[in-house]
C-alpha atoms as a PDB file:
ATOM      1  CA  MET A   1      64.008 -39.012  16.791  1.00  0.00           C
ATOM      2  CA  THR A   2      62.705 -35.365  17.003  1.00  0.00           C
ATOM      3  CA  ARG A   3      64.887 -32.896  18.448  1.00  0.00           C
ATOM      4  CA  LEU A   4      63.584 -32.198  22.034  1.00  0.00           C
ATOM      5  CA  GLU A   5      63.784 -28.781  23.149  1.00  0.00           C
ATOM      6  CA  LEU A   6      65.532 -27.800  26.512  1.00  0.00           C
ATOM      7  CA  SER A   7      64.805 -25.119  29.126  1.00  0.00           C
ATOM      8  CA  PHE A   8      65.047 -24.531  32.645  1.00  0.00           C
ATOM      9  CA  LEU A   9      62.867 -22.260  35.087  1.00  0.00           C
ATOM     10  CA  THR A  10      64.289 -20.146  38.079  1.00  0.00           C
ATOM     11  CA  PHE A  11      62.859 -18.543  40.673  1.00  0.00           C
ATOM     12  CA  VAL A  12      65.345 -15.867  41.222  1.00  0.00           C
ATOM     13  CA  PRO A  13      64.886 -16.057  44.870  1.00  0.00           C
ATOM     14  CA  TYR A  14      65.853 -13.292  47.266  1.00  0.00           C
ATOM     15  CA  ASP A  15      66.438 -15.072  50.563  1.00  0.00           C
ATOM     16  CA  ASP A  16      68.346 -12.024  51.748  1.00  0.00           C
ATOM     17  CA  PRO A  17      66.267  -9.080  51.165  1.00  0.00           C
ATOM     18  CA  SER A  18      69.451  -6.793  51.072  1.00  0.00           C
ATOM     19  CA  GLY A  19      70.988  -9.128  48.463  1.00  0.00           C
ATOM     20  CA  ALA A  20      68.225  -8.801  45.883  1.00  0.00           C
ATOM     21  CA  ALA A  21      70.776  -6.937  43.567  1.00  0.00           C
ATOM     22  CA  ASP A  22      73.030  -9.905  43.574  1.00  0.00           C
ATOM     23  CA  SER A  23      70.228 -12.432  43.015  1.00  0.00           C
ATOM     24  CA  LEU A  24      69.281 -10.393  39.937  1.00  0.00           C
ATOM     25  CA  ARG A  25      72.913 -10.164  38.755  1.00  0.00           C
ATOM     26  CA  GLU A  26      73.011 -13.722  39.335  1.00  0.00           C
ATOM     27  CA  ALA A  27      69.981 -14.578  37.291  1.00  0.00           C
ATOM     28  CA  VAL A  28      71.706 -12.651  34.119  1.00  0.00           C
ATOM     29  CA  GLU A  29      74.657 -14.774  34.706  1.00  0.00           C
ATOM     30  CA  LEU A  30      72.469 -18.106  34.978  1.00  0.00           C
ATOM     31  CA  PHE A  31      71.049 -16.926  31.246  1.00  0.00           C
ATOM     32  CA  GLN A  32      74.503 -16.491  29.887  1.00  0.00           C
ATOM     33  CA  LEU A  33      75.510 -19.903  31.170  1.00  0.00           C
ATOM     34  CA  ALA A  34      72.447 -21.829  29.852  1.00  0.00           C
ATOM     35  CA  GLU A  35      73.201 -20.051  26.465  1.00  0.00           C
ATOM     36  CA  GLU A  36      76.876 -21.295  26.237  1.00  0.00           C
ATOM     37  CA  LEU A  37      75.479 -24.876  27.411  1.00  0.00           C
ATOM     38  CA  GLY A  38      73.080 -24.583  24.323  1.00  0.00           C
ATOM     39  CA  TYR A  39      69.649 -24.275  26.306  1.00  0.00           C
ATOM     40  CA  ASP A  40      66.584 -23.225  23.963  1.00  0.00           C
ATOM     41  CA  ILE A  41      64.722 -21.214  26.592  1.00  0.00           C
ATOM     42  CA  GLY A  42      65.013 -19.731  30.111  1.00  0.00           C
ATOM     43  CA  TRP A  43      61.933 -19.482  32.128  1.00  0.00           C
ATOM     44  CA  VAL A  44      61.376 -17.442  35.301  1.00  0.00           C
ATOM     45  CA  ARG A  45      58.832 -17.752  37.958  1.00  0.00           C
ATOM     46  CA  VAL A  46      56.732 -14.871  39.068  1.00  0.00           C
ATOM     47  CA  ARG A  47      55.402 -14.070  42.290  1.00  0.00           C
ATOM     48  CA  GLN A  48      54.132 -11.224  44.469  1.00  0.00           C
ATOM     49  CA  LEU A  49      54.654 -10.284  47.872  1.00  0.00           C
ATOM     50  CA  GLU A  50      57.198 -13.286  48.329  1.00  0.00           C
ATOM     51  CA  LYS A  51      61.102 -13.455  48.390  1.00  0.00           C
ATOM     52  CA  PHE A  52      61.114 -14.304  44.499  1.00  0.00           C
ATOM     53  CA  LEU A  53      61.244 -12.336  41.408  1.00  0.00           C
ATOM     54  CA  SER A  54      57.726 -10.302  40.893  1.00  0.00           C
ATOM     55  CA  SER A  55      58.966  -8.121  37.820  1.00  0.00           C
ATOM     56  CA  PRO A  56      60.188 -10.164  34.955  1.00  0.00           C
ATOM     57  CA  PHE A  57      60.352  -7.596  32.118  1.00  0.00           C
ATOM     58  CA  PRO A  58      63.408  -5.438  33.504  1.00  0.00           C
ATOM     59  CA  LEU A  59      65.142  -8.672  34.173  1.00  0.00           C
ATOM     60  CA  PHE A  60      64.303  -9.517  30.571  1.00  0.00           C
ATOM     61  CA  GLY A  61      65.695  -6.513  29.439  1.00  0.00           C
ATOM     62  CA  ALA A  62      68.925  -7.052  31.163  1.00  0.00           C
ATOM     63  CA  ILE A  63      69.214 -10.776  29.752  1.00  0.00           C
ATOM     64  CA  GLY A  64      68.392  -9.839  26.347  1.00  0.00           C
ATOM     65  CA  GLN A  65      71.477  -7.384  26.346  1.00  0.00           C
ATOM     66  CA  ALA A  66      73.681 -10.008  28.017  1.00  0.00           C
ATOM     67  CA  THR A  67      72.812 -12.793  25.459  1.00  0.00           C
ATOM     68  CA  SER A  68      72.278 -13.188  21.883  1.00  0.00           C
ATOM     69  CA  ARG A  69      70.315 -16.435  21.282  1.00  0.00           C
ATOM     70  CA  ILE A  70      68.446 -18.120  24.217  1.00  0.00           C
ATOM     71  CA  ARG A  71      64.669 -17.192  24.644  1.00  0.00           C
ATOM     72  CA  PHE A  72      63.114 -16.288  27.736  1.00  0.00           C
ATOM     73  CA  GLY A  73      59.833 -16.452  29.309  1.00  0.00           C
ATOM     74  CA  THR A  74      57.357 -16.200  32.203  1.00  0.00           C
ATOM     75  CA  ALA A  75      56.307 -19.347  33.663  1.00  0.00           C
ATOM     76  CA  VAL A  76      53.866 -18.059  34.505  1.00  0.00           C
ATOM     77  CA  LEU A  77      52.678 -14.425  35.073  1.00  0.00           C
ATOM     78  CA  PRO A  78      49.720 -14.440  37.042  1.00  0.00           C
ATOM     79  CA  MET A  79      46.977 -12.434  34.969  1.00  0.00           C
ATOM     80  CA  ARG A  80      44.301 -12.058  37.560  1.00  0.00           C
ATOM     81  CA  TYR A  81      46.040  -9.372  39.563  1.00  0.00           C
ATOM     82  CA  ALA A  82      48.116  -7.817  36.516  1.00  0.00           C
ATOM     83  CA  ASP A  83      47.076  -5.122  33.931  1.00  0.00           C
ATOM     84  CA  PRO A  84      46.641  -6.674  30.448  1.00  0.00           C
ATOM     85  CA  ILE A  85      47.562  -3.235  28.614  1.00  0.00           C
ATOM     86  CA  SER A  86      50.697  -2.991  30.677  1.00  0.00           C
ATOM     87  CA  VAL A  87      51.786  -6.274  30.379  1.00  0.00           C
ATOM     88  CA  ALA A  88      51.247  -5.974  26.569  1.00  0.00           C
ATOM     89  CA  GLN A  89      53.353  -2.869  26.533  1.00  0.00           C
ATOM     90  CA  ASP A  90      56.173  -4.430  28.589  1.00  0.00           C
ATOM     91  CA  ALA A  91      56.178  -7.641  26.709  1.00  0.00           C
ATOM     92  CA  ALA A  92      56.476  -5.964  23.090  1.00  0.00           C
ATOM     93  CA  THR A  93      59.226  -3.503  24.124  1.00  0.00           C
ATOM     94  CA  VAL A  94      61.298  -6.559  25.484  1.00  0.00           C
ATOM     95  CA  ASP A  95      60.294  -8.580  22.592  1.00  0.00           C
ATOM     96  CA  LEU A  96      61.262  -5.949  20.077  1.00  0.00           C
ATOM     97  CA  LEU A  97      64.621  -5.161  22.053  1.00  0.00           C
ATOM     98  CA  SER A  98      65.705  -8.821  22.138  1.00  0.00           C
ATOM     99  CA  GLY A  99      65.183  -9.643  18.391  1.00  0.00           C
ATOM    100  CA  GLY A 100      61.693 -11.700  19.055  1.00  0.00           C
ATOM    101  CA  ARG A 101      62.946 -13.789  21.702  1.00  0.00           C
ATOM    102  CA  LEU A 102      60.131 -13.541  24.654  1.00  0.00           C
ATOM    103  CA  GLU A 103      57.826 -16.414  25.334  1.00  0.00           C
ATOM    104  CA  LEU A 104      54.945 -15.357  27.540  1.00  0.00           C
ATOM    105  CA  GLY A 105      53.585 -17.694  29.829  1.00  0.00           C
ATOM    106  CA  VAL A 106      50.136 -16.677  31.796  1.00  0.00           C
ATOM    107  CA  ALA A 107      47.849 -18.071  33.995  1.00  0.00           C
ATOM    108  CA  GLY A 108      45.252 -16.995  36.395  1.00  0.00           C
ATOM    109  CA  GLY A 109      47.237 -16.964  39.907  1.00  0.00           C
ATOM    110  CA  ILE A 110      46.802 -17.598  43.476  1.00  0.00           C
ATOM    111  CA  LYS A 111      43.263 -16.968  44.796  1.00  0.00           C
ATOM    112  CA  PRO A 112      44.398 -15.569  48.000  1.00  0.00           C
ATOM    113  CA  ALA A 113      46.988 -13.145  46.278  1.00  0.00           C
ATOM    114  CA  ALA A 114      44.054 -11.789  44.429  1.00  0.00           C
ATOM    115  CA  THR A 115      42.207 -10.974  47.465  1.00  0.00           C
ATOM    116  CA  LEU A 116      45.071  -9.416  48.779  1.00  0.00           C
ATOM    117  CA  LEU A 117      46.095  -7.135  45.925  1.00  0.00           C
ATOM    118  CA  ASP A 118      42.511  -6.217  44.960  1.00  0.00           C
ATOM    119  CA  THR A 119      42.700  -3.869  47.802  1.00  0.00           C
ATOM    120  CA  VAL A 120      45.361  -2.167  45.546  1.00  0.00           C
ATOM    121  CA  HIS A 121      43.850  -2.827  42.178  1.00  0.00           C
ATOM    122  CA  GLY A 122      40.074  -2.537  42.859  1.00  0.00           C
ATOM    123  CA  ALA A 123      37.998  -5.866  43.043  1.00  0.00           C
ATOM    124  CA  SER A 124      36.061  -7.561  40.476  1.00  0.00           C
ATOM    125  CA  GLU A 125      32.579  -8.757  40.495  1.00  0.00           C
ATOM    126  CA  ARG A 126      33.213 -11.808  38.762  1.00  0.00           C
ATOM    127  CA  SER A 127      34.530 -15.182  39.639  1.00  0.00           C
ATOM    128  CA  PHE A 128      38.468 -15.593  39.906  1.00  0.00           C
ATOM    129  CA  ASP A 129      38.454 -17.627  36.582  1.00  0.00           C
ATOM    130  CA  ASP A 130      35.985 -15.299  34.876  1.00  0.00           C
ATOM    131  CA  GLU A 131      38.217 -12.154  35.593  1.00  0.00           C
ATOM    132  CA  SER A 132      41.425 -14.125  34.862  1.00  0.00           C
ATOM    133  CA  GLN A 133      40.370 -15.072  31.581  1.00  0.00           C
ATOM    134  CA  ASP A 134      39.209 -11.845  30.645  1.00  0.00           C
ATOM    135  CA  ARG A 135      42.259 -10.426  31.502  1.00  0.00           C
ATOM    136  CA  ILE A 136      44.252 -13.092  29.488  1.00  0.00           C
ATOM    137  CA  ALA A 137      41.930 -12.561  26.505  1.00  0.00           C
ATOM    138  CA  ARG A 138      42.589  -8.793  26.513  1.00  0.00           C
ATOM    139  CA  LEU A 139      46.197  -9.441  26.705  1.00  0.00           C
ATOM    140  CA  ARG A 140      46.368 -11.479  23.753  1.00  0.00           C
ATOM    141  CA  ALA A 141      44.129  -9.070  21.650  1.00  0.00           C
ATOM    142  CA  ALA A 142      46.479  -6.284  22.482  1.00  0.00           C
ATOM    143  CA  LEU A 143      49.551  -8.484  21.611  1.00  0.00           C
ATOM    144  CA  ALA A 144      47.751  -8.982  18.163  1.00  0.00           C
ATOM    145  CA  ASP A 145      47.411  -5.483  17.906  1.00  0.00           C
ATOM    146  CA  GLU A 146      43.528  -5.451  18.093  1.00  0.00           C
ATOM    147  CA  PRO A 147      41.946  -2.251  19.302  1.00  0.00           C
ATOM    148  CA  VAL A 148      41.713  -1.982  22.865  1.00  0.00           C
ATOM    149  CA  ALA A 149      40.029   1.496  23.320  1.00  0.00           C
ATOM    150  CA  VAL A 150      38.418   4.101  20.911  1.00  0.00           C
ATOM    151  CA  ALA A 151      39.497   7.705  20.729  1.00  0.00           C
ATOM    152  CA  PRO A 152      36.634   9.691  22.766  1.00  0.00           C
ATOM    153  CA  GLU A 153      35.277  12.889  22.030  1.00  0.00           C
ATOM    154  CA  GLY A 154      37.765  15.735  23.335  1.00  0.00           C
ATOM    155  CA  GLY A 155      40.648  15.034  25.507  1.00  0.00           C
ATOM    156  CA  PHE A 156      42.598  12.976  23.262  1.00  0.00           C
ATOM    157  CA  PRO A 157      44.570  15.209  21.104  1.00  0.00           C
ATOM    158  CA  ILE A 158      46.520  12.771  18.810  1.00  0.00           C
ATOM    159  CA  ALA A 159      43.440  10.823  17.369  1.00  0.00           C
ATOM    160  CA  PRO A 160      40.278  11.922  16.087  1.00  0.00           C
ATOM    161  CA  PRO A 161      36.977  10.919  17.897  1.00  0.00           C
ATOM    162  CA  GLY A 162      36.143   7.377  17.154  1.00  0.00           C
ATOM    163  CA  THR A 163      39.542   6.470  16.134  1.00  0.00           C
ATOM    164  CA  PRO A 164      40.274   2.513  16.989  1.00  0.00           C
ATOM    165  CA  LEU A 165      43.421   2.735  19.533  1.00  0.00           C
ATOM    166  CA  THR A 166      45.968  -0.010  19.729  1.00  0.00           C
ATOM    167  CA  VAL A 167      48.832  -0.858  22.211  1.00  0.00           C
ATOM    168  CA  THR A 168      52.071   0.509  20.975  1.00  0.00           C
ATOM    169  CA  PRO A 169      54.625  -0.631  20.695  1.00  0.00           C
ATOM    170  CA  HIS A 170      53.799  -3.826  18.604  1.00  0.00           C
ATOM    171  CA  SER A 171      55.826  -6.840  18.136  1.00  0.00           C
ATOM    172  CA  PRO A 172      54.516  -9.105  15.089  1.00  0.00           C
ATOM    173  CA  GLY A 173      54.565 -12.748  16.157  1.00  0.00           C
ATOM    174  CA  LEU A 174      54.518 -12.340  19.853  1.00  0.00           C
ATOM    175  CA  ALA A 175      50.725 -12.645  19.901  1.00  0.00           C
ATOM    176  CA  ASP A 176      51.856 -16.662  18.876  1.00  0.00           C
ATOM    177  CA  ARG A 177      54.154 -17.053  21.660  1.00  0.00           C
ATOM    178  CA  VAL A 178      51.765 -16.859  24.147  1.00  0.00           C
ATOM    179  CA  TRP A 179      51.552 -20.141  26.748  1.00  0.00           C
ATOM    180  CA  TYR A 180      48.973 -21.073  29.320  1.00  0.00           C
ATOM    181  CA  GLY A 181      49.835 -23.267  32.762  1.00  0.00           C
ATOM    182  CA  PRO A 182      47.178 -25.663  33.345  1.00  0.00           C
ATOM    183  CA  GLY A 183      46.581 -27.829  36.272  1.00  0.00           C
ATOM    184  CA  SER A 184      43.564 -29.942  35.182  1.00  0.00           C
ATOM    185  CA  VAL A 185      42.525 -31.642  31.750  1.00  0.00           C
ATOM    186  CA  GLN A 186      39.611 -29.031  31.761  1.00  0.00           C
ATOM    187  CA  THR A 187      42.142 -26.184  31.658  1.00  0.00           C
ATOM    188  CA  ALA A 188      44.231 -27.763  29.151  1.00  0.00           C
ATOM    189  CA  VAL A 189      41.264 -28.412  26.694  1.00  0.00           C
ATOM    190  CA  ARG A 190      40.494 -24.752  27.183  1.00  0.00           C
ATOM    191  CA  THR A 191      43.971 -23.975  26.458  1.00  0.00           C
ATOM    192  CA  GLY A 192      44.057 -25.834  23.017  1.00  0.00           C
ATOM    193  CA  GLU A 193      40.829 -24.349  21.959  1.00  0.00           C
ATOM    194  CA  GLN A 194      42.234 -20.952  22.654  1.00  0.00           C
ATOM    195  CA  GLY A 195      45.268 -21.792  20.566  1.00  0.00           C
ATOM    196  CA  MET A 196      48.006 -21.071  23.000  1.00  0.00           C
ATOM    197  CA  ASP A 197      51.193 -23.185  23.954  1.00  0.00           C
ATOM    198  CA  LEU A 198      51.047 -25.489  27.021  1.00  0.00           C
ATOM    199  CA  LEU A 199      53.190 -25.577  30.049  1.00  0.00           C
ATOM    200  CA  VAL A 200      52.737 -28.306  32.277  1.00  0.00           C
ATOM    201  CA  SER A 201      54.226 -27.400  35.898  1.00  0.00           C
ATOM    202  CA  THR A 202      55.519 -29.776  38.598  1.00  0.00           C
ATOM    203  CA  LEU A 203      51.783 -29.616  40.018  1.00  0.00           C
ATOM    204  CA  ASN A 204      48.608 -31.204  38.969  1.00  0.00           C
ATOM    205  CA  THR A 205      45.339 -29.855  40.715  1.00  0.00           C
ATOM    206  CA  ASP A 206      43.658 -32.973  39.795  1.00  0.00           C
ATOM    207  CA  ASP A 207      44.051 -35.925  41.880  1.00  0.00           C
ATOM    208  CA  ASP A 208      42.074 -38.961  40.949  1.00  0.00           C
ATOM    209  CA  GLY A 209      44.300 -41.561  41.904  1.00  0.00           C
ATOM    210  CA  ARG A 210      46.356 -41.476  38.647  1.00  0.00           C
ATOM    211  CA  SER A 211      50.151 -40.845  39.090  1.00  0.00           C
ATOM    212  CA  PHE A 212      51.710 -37.464  38.237  1.00  0.00           C
ATOM    213  CA  GLU A 213      53.208 -38.507  35.115  1.00  0.00           C
ATOM    214  CA  GLU A 214      49.563 -40.254  33.825  1.00  0.00           C
ATOM    215  CA  GLY A 215      47.729 -37.209  35.104  1.00  0.00           C
ATOM    216  CA  GLN A 216      49.843 -34.889  32.778  1.00  0.00           C
ATOM    217  CA  ARG A 217      49.839 -37.058  29.885  1.00  0.00           C
ATOM    218  CA  ASP A 218      46.138 -37.074  29.728  1.00  0.00           C
ATOM    219  CA  GLN A 219      46.235 -33.295  29.809  1.00  0.00           C
ATOM    220  CA  ILE A 220      48.477 -33.193  27.023  1.00  0.00           C
ATOM    221  CA  ARG A 221      46.606 -35.515  24.775  1.00  0.00           C
ATOM    222  CA  ALA A 222      43.152 -33.576  25.761  1.00  0.00           C
ATOM    223  CA  TYR A 223      44.941 -30.324  24.826  1.00  0.00           C
ATOM    224  CA  ARG A 224      46.399 -31.705  21.273  1.00  0.00           C
ATOM    225  CA  GLU A 225      43.041 -32.951  20.369  1.00  0.00           C
ATOM    226  CA  ALA A 226      41.368 -29.660  21.180  1.00  0.00           C
ATOM    227  CA  PHE A 227      44.202 -27.461  19.377  1.00  0.00           C
ATOM    228  CA  ASP A 228      43.314 -26.382  15.958  1.00  0.00           C
ATOM    229  CA  VAL A 229      45.073 -23.343  14.876  1.00  0.00           C
ATOM    230  CA  PRO A 230      45.835 -22.986  10.980  1.00  0.00           C
ATOM    231  CA  GLY A 231      49.832 -23.161  10.065  1.00  0.00           C
ATOM    232  CA  ARG A 232      50.769 -23.691  13.810  1.00  0.00           C
ATOM    233  CA  ALA A 233      51.969 -26.911  15.582  1.00  0.00           C
ATOM    234  CA  PRO A 234      50.931 -27.105  19.297  1.00  0.00           C
ATOM    235  CA  ARG A 235      54.174 -26.616  21.447  1.00  0.00           C
ATOM    236  CA  VAL A 236      54.169 -28.520  24.961  1.00  0.00           C
ATOM    237  CA  VAL A 237      57.043 -27.997  27.780  1.00  0.00           C
ATOM    238  CA  ALA A 238      56.941 -30.118  30.840  1.00  0.00           C
ATOM    239  CA  GLY A 239      58.415 -28.962  34.133  1.00  0.00           C
ATOM    240  CA  ARG A 240      60.361 -31.731  35.875  1.00  0.00           C
ATOM    241  CA  ILE A 241      62.932 -31.564  39.152  1.00  0.00           C
ATOM    242  CA  VAL A 242      65.985 -33.126  37.735  1.00  0.00           C
ATOM    243  CA  LEU A 243      69.361 -33.447  39.907  1.00  0.00           C
ATOM    244  CA  PRO A 244      71.693 -35.649  38.418  1.00  0.00           C
ATOM    245  CA  SER A 245      74.809 -36.368  40.506  1.00  0.00           C
ATOM    246  CA  VAL A 246      77.969 -36.815  38.401  1.00  0.00           C
ATOM    247  CA  THR A 247      80.360 -36.515  41.232  1.00  0.00           C
ATOM    248  CA  PRO A 248      80.167 -37.251  45.094  1.00  0.00           C
ATOM    249  CA  ALA A 249      80.101 -33.247  45.499  1.00  0.00           C
ATOM    250  CA  ASP A 250      76.824 -33.401  43.639  1.00  0.00           C
ATOM    251  CA  ASP A 251      75.214 -35.416  46.289  1.00  0.00           C
ATOM    252  CA  GLU A 252      76.389 -32.949  48.832  1.00  0.00           C
ATOM    253  CA  LEU A 253      74.689 -30.184  47.070  1.00  0.00           C
ATOM    254  CA  PHE A 254      71.737 -31.717  46.616  1.00  0.00           C
ATOM    255  CA  ALA A 255      71.197 -33.296  49.667  1.00  0.00           C
ATOM    256  CA  ASP A 256      69.330 -30.550  51.602  1.00  0.00           C
ATOM    257  CA  TYR A 257      66.464 -30.649  48.693  1.00  0.00           C
ATOM    258  CA  ILE A 258      66.259 -34.449  48.804  1.00  0.00           C
ATOM    259  CA  ALA A 259      65.567 -34.502  52.469  1.00  0.00           C
ATOM    260  CA  TRP A 260      63.178 -31.520  52.191  1.00  0.00           C
ATOM    261  CA  TYR A 261      61.013 -33.344  49.412  1.00  0.00           C
ATOM    262  CA  ALA A 262      60.816 -36.525  51.354  1.00  0.00           C
ATOM    263  CA  GLY A 263      59.867 -34.704  54.654  1.00  0.00           C
ATOM    264  CA  ARG A 264      56.956 -32.996  52.630  1.00  0.00           C
ATOM    265  CA  PHE A 265      55.581 -35.642  50.014  1.00  0.00           C
ATOM    266  CA  ASP A 266      55.073 -39.422  49.887  1.00  0.00           C
ATOM    267  CA  ASP A 267      56.356 -41.649  47.206  1.00  0.00           C
ATOM    268  CA  ARG A 268      53.501 -40.712  44.712  1.00  0.00           C
ATOM    269  CA  GLY A 269      53.874 -37.062  45.452  1.00  0.00           C
ATOM    270  CA  ARG A 270      51.009 -36.339  47.734  1.00  0.00           C
ATOM    271  CA  PRO A 271      51.487 -33.958  50.477  1.00  0.00           C
ATOM    272  CA  LYS A 272      52.176 -35.552  53.771  1.00  0.00           C
ATOM    273  CA  GLN A 273      50.885 -32.939  55.938  1.00  0.00           C
ATOM    274  CA  GLY A 274      47.690 -32.051  54.003  1.00  0.00           C
ATOM    275  CA  GLY A 275      47.159 -29.822  50.585  1.00  0.00           C
ATOM    276  CA  PHE A 276      45.994 -30.778  47.498  1.00  0.00           C
ATOM    277  CA  GLY A 277      47.074 -31.736  44.110  1.00  0.00           C
ATOM    278  CA  VAL A 278      50.108 -34.334  42.963  1.00  0.00           C
ATOM    279  CA  PHE A 279      53.524 -33.115  42.904  1.00  0.00           C
ATOM    280  CA  SER A 280      56.112 -34.213  40.562  1.00  0.00           C
ATOM    281  CA  PRO A 281      58.589 -36.760  41.574  1.00  0.00           C
ATOM    282  CA  THR A 282      62.220 -35.676  41.530  1.00  0.00           C
ATOM    283  CA  HIS A 283      64.601 -37.364  39.013  1.00  0.00           C
ATOM    284  CA  HIS A 284      67.856 -37.785  41.085  1.00  0.00           C
ATOM    285  CA  GLY A 285      70.641 -40.204  40.959  1.00  0.00           C
ATOM    286  CA  SER A 286      73.387 -40.910  38.474  1.00  0.00           C
ATOM    287  CA  PRO A 287      73.270 -39.483  35.038  1.00  0.00           C
ATOM    288  CA  ASP A 288      72.087 -43.174  33.781  1.00  0.00           C
ATOM    289  CA  GLU A 289      69.373 -43.271  36.232  1.00  0.00           C
ATOM    290  CA  VAL A 290      67.901 -39.917  35.530  1.00  0.00           C
ATOM    291  CA  VAL A 291      67.834 -40.718  31.945  1.00  0.00           C
ATOM    292  CA  ALA A 292      65.970 -43.868  32.899  1.00  0.00           C
ATOM    293  CA  SER A 293      63.624 -42.378  34.941  1.00  0.00           C
ATOM    294  CA  LEU A 294      62.693 -39.551  32.503  1.00  0.00           C
ATOM    295  CA  SER A 295      62.431 -41.717  29.496  1.00  0.00           C
ATOM    296  CA  ALA A 296      60.020 -43.756  31.631  1.00  0.00           C
ATOM    297  CA  ASP A 297      57.740 -40.392  31.871  1.00  0.00           C
ATOM    298  CA  VAL A 298      54.698 -41.168  29.858  1.00  0.00           C
ATOM    299  CA  ALA A 299      53.943 -37.258  29.794  1.00  0.00           C
ATOM    300  CA  LEU A 300      57.372 -36.112  28.938  1.00  0.00           C
ATOM    301  CA  ARG A 301      57.151 -38.770  25.861  1.00  0.00           C
ATOM    302  CA  GLU A 302      54.298 -36.300  24.596  1.00  0.00           C
ATOM    303  CA  ALA A 303      55.892 -33.413  25.085  1.00  0.00           C
ATOM    304  CA  THR A 304      58.377 -31.134  22.748  1.00  0.00           C
ATOM    305  CA  GLY A 305      60.433 -29.367  25.547  1.00  0.00           C
ATOM    306  CA  LEU A 306      61.870 -30.564  28.762  1.00  0.00           C
ATOM    307  CA  ASP A 307      61.806 -27.948  31.510  1.00  0.00           C
ATOM    308  CA  VAL A 308      64.344 -28.391  34.181  1.00  0.00           C
ATOM    309  CA  VAL A 309      62.640 -26.777  37.283  1.00  0.00           C
ATOM    310  CA  LEU A 310      65.104 -25.419  39.738  1.00  0.00           C
ATOM    311  CA  PRO A 311      64.607 -25.913  43.362  1.00  0.00           C
ATOM    312  CA  ALA A 312      62.907 -22.568  44.670  1.00  0.00           C
ATOM    313  CA  ASN A 313      65.672 -21.755  47.097  1.00  0.00           C
ATOM    314  CA  ALA A 314      68.566 -22.840  45.127  1.00  0.00           C
ATOM    315  CA  THR A 315      72.031 -21.596  45.225  1.00  0.00           C
ATOM    316  CA  ALA A 316      73.753 -19.942  42.387  1.00  0.00           C
ATOM    317  CA  ALA A 317      76.030 -22.959  42.367  1.00  0.00           C
ATOM    318  CA  MET A 318      73.450 -25.259  42.913  1.00  0.00           C
ATOM    319  CA  SER A 319      71.593 -24.075  39.896  1.00  0.00           C
ATOM    320  CA  ARG A 320      74.692 -23.819  37.595  1.00  0.00           C
ATOM    321  CA  ARG A 321      75.855 -27.307  38.515  1.00  0.00           C
ATOM    322  CA  ILE A 322      72.249 -28.715  37.659  1.00  0.00           C
ATOM    323  CA  LEU A 323      72.168 -26.871  34.269  1.00  0.00           C
ATOM    324  CA  GLU A 324      75.615 -28.220  33.317  1.00  0.00           C
ATOM    325  CA  ASN A 325      74.891 -31.815  34.427  1.00  0.00           C
ATOM    326  CA  VAL A 326      71.597 -31.999  32.603  1.00  0.00           C
ATOM    327  CA  ALA A 327      73.079 -30.537  29.549  1.00  0.00           C
ATOM    328  CA  THR A 328      76.144 -32.359  29.132  1.00  0.00           C
ATOM    329  CA  SER A 329      75.122 -35.903  30.991  1.00  0.00           C
ATOM    330  CA  VAL A 330      71.271 -36.428  30.679  1.00  0.00           C
ATOM    331  CA  ALA A 331      69.286 -34.438  28.208  1.00  0.00           C
ATOM    332  CA  PRO A 332      71.668 -35.672  24.961  1.00  0.00           C
ATOM    333  CA  ALA A 333      70.197 -39.148  25.715  1.00  0.00           C
ATOM    334  CA  LEU A 334      66.709 -37.942  25.515  1.00  0.00           C
ATOM    335  CA  GLY A 335      67.040 -36.481  22.040  1.00  0.00           C
ATOM    336  CA  TRP A 336      68.163 -33.174  22.628  1.00  0.00           C
ATOM    337  CA  THR A 337      71.123 -31.084  20.692  1.00  0.00           C
ATOM    338  CA  PRO A 338      72.652 -27.918  21.880  1.00  0.00           C
ATOM    339  CA  ALA A 339      70.984 -24.767  20.143  1.00  0.00           C
ATOM    340  CA  ARG A 340      73.546 -22.839  18.186  1.00  0.00           C
END
């Protein structure tokens, strides 16, 4: 059996704005625990103007100093309203300081956020998707040490006019650790054609009657067929809500989320109160039940990694318990062994 990689994703919620410092410290401690448990990667969600993490690279700097092995990444960084050069500089700096442990997940972002943030960064005349893809391409070029500008005549004293200018610092290998988060077969194919790794999340934007897992299975297969990068094997991480209950106290800890999900989605993952897409089911129950439901997941069978997506507003205690239960009671039965 091929070894499955195990990761987790946290939103780093700031439910109490005055407690943001505590939330950031708890995030560092969560990564330390995950490293002790043998997790391969820890991901953070990036959200602007919400009560969640919006600036991942300073946090990664702290995590990199507090850990020695675990990799960390963005799942995902919304590039439609981010500056590619600034992101490349910050990402390379963090990657070098951590010994090459950064995994950089990107996507377009949320259209309403782009409209709002355009008042700050300047609007684009191109479509949302075209502008997003252009910024991702510029980011990847900068990470690959390709020229991003040419020294002009006068006013740039450190290089002669016409000199190609690249982003510094440069971190070798980081350009091959860029992931994309698709929501459809079309965007999965584009990801494969562009040679990025694939992050499938807990939402499919396609809704044509297939189950959530069937839709993602088809995305992954289409992605693999389109991927053709000599010397590199495609990596695919599948995000899932996983809440294994080992003790009765676990049921109490997870009860609020289970009730929230039941009130918002039907048993096929469609929103009850309107909305779009298909949402991931929650894998909840005894460890044996969770192993059985994950083993039956036809998309997860196609992936190289399982990403345990923590509920958006999970407390520190809930997050730690989920990581412990998955690592000790679920993941080993799926083909995972702790990283050391």
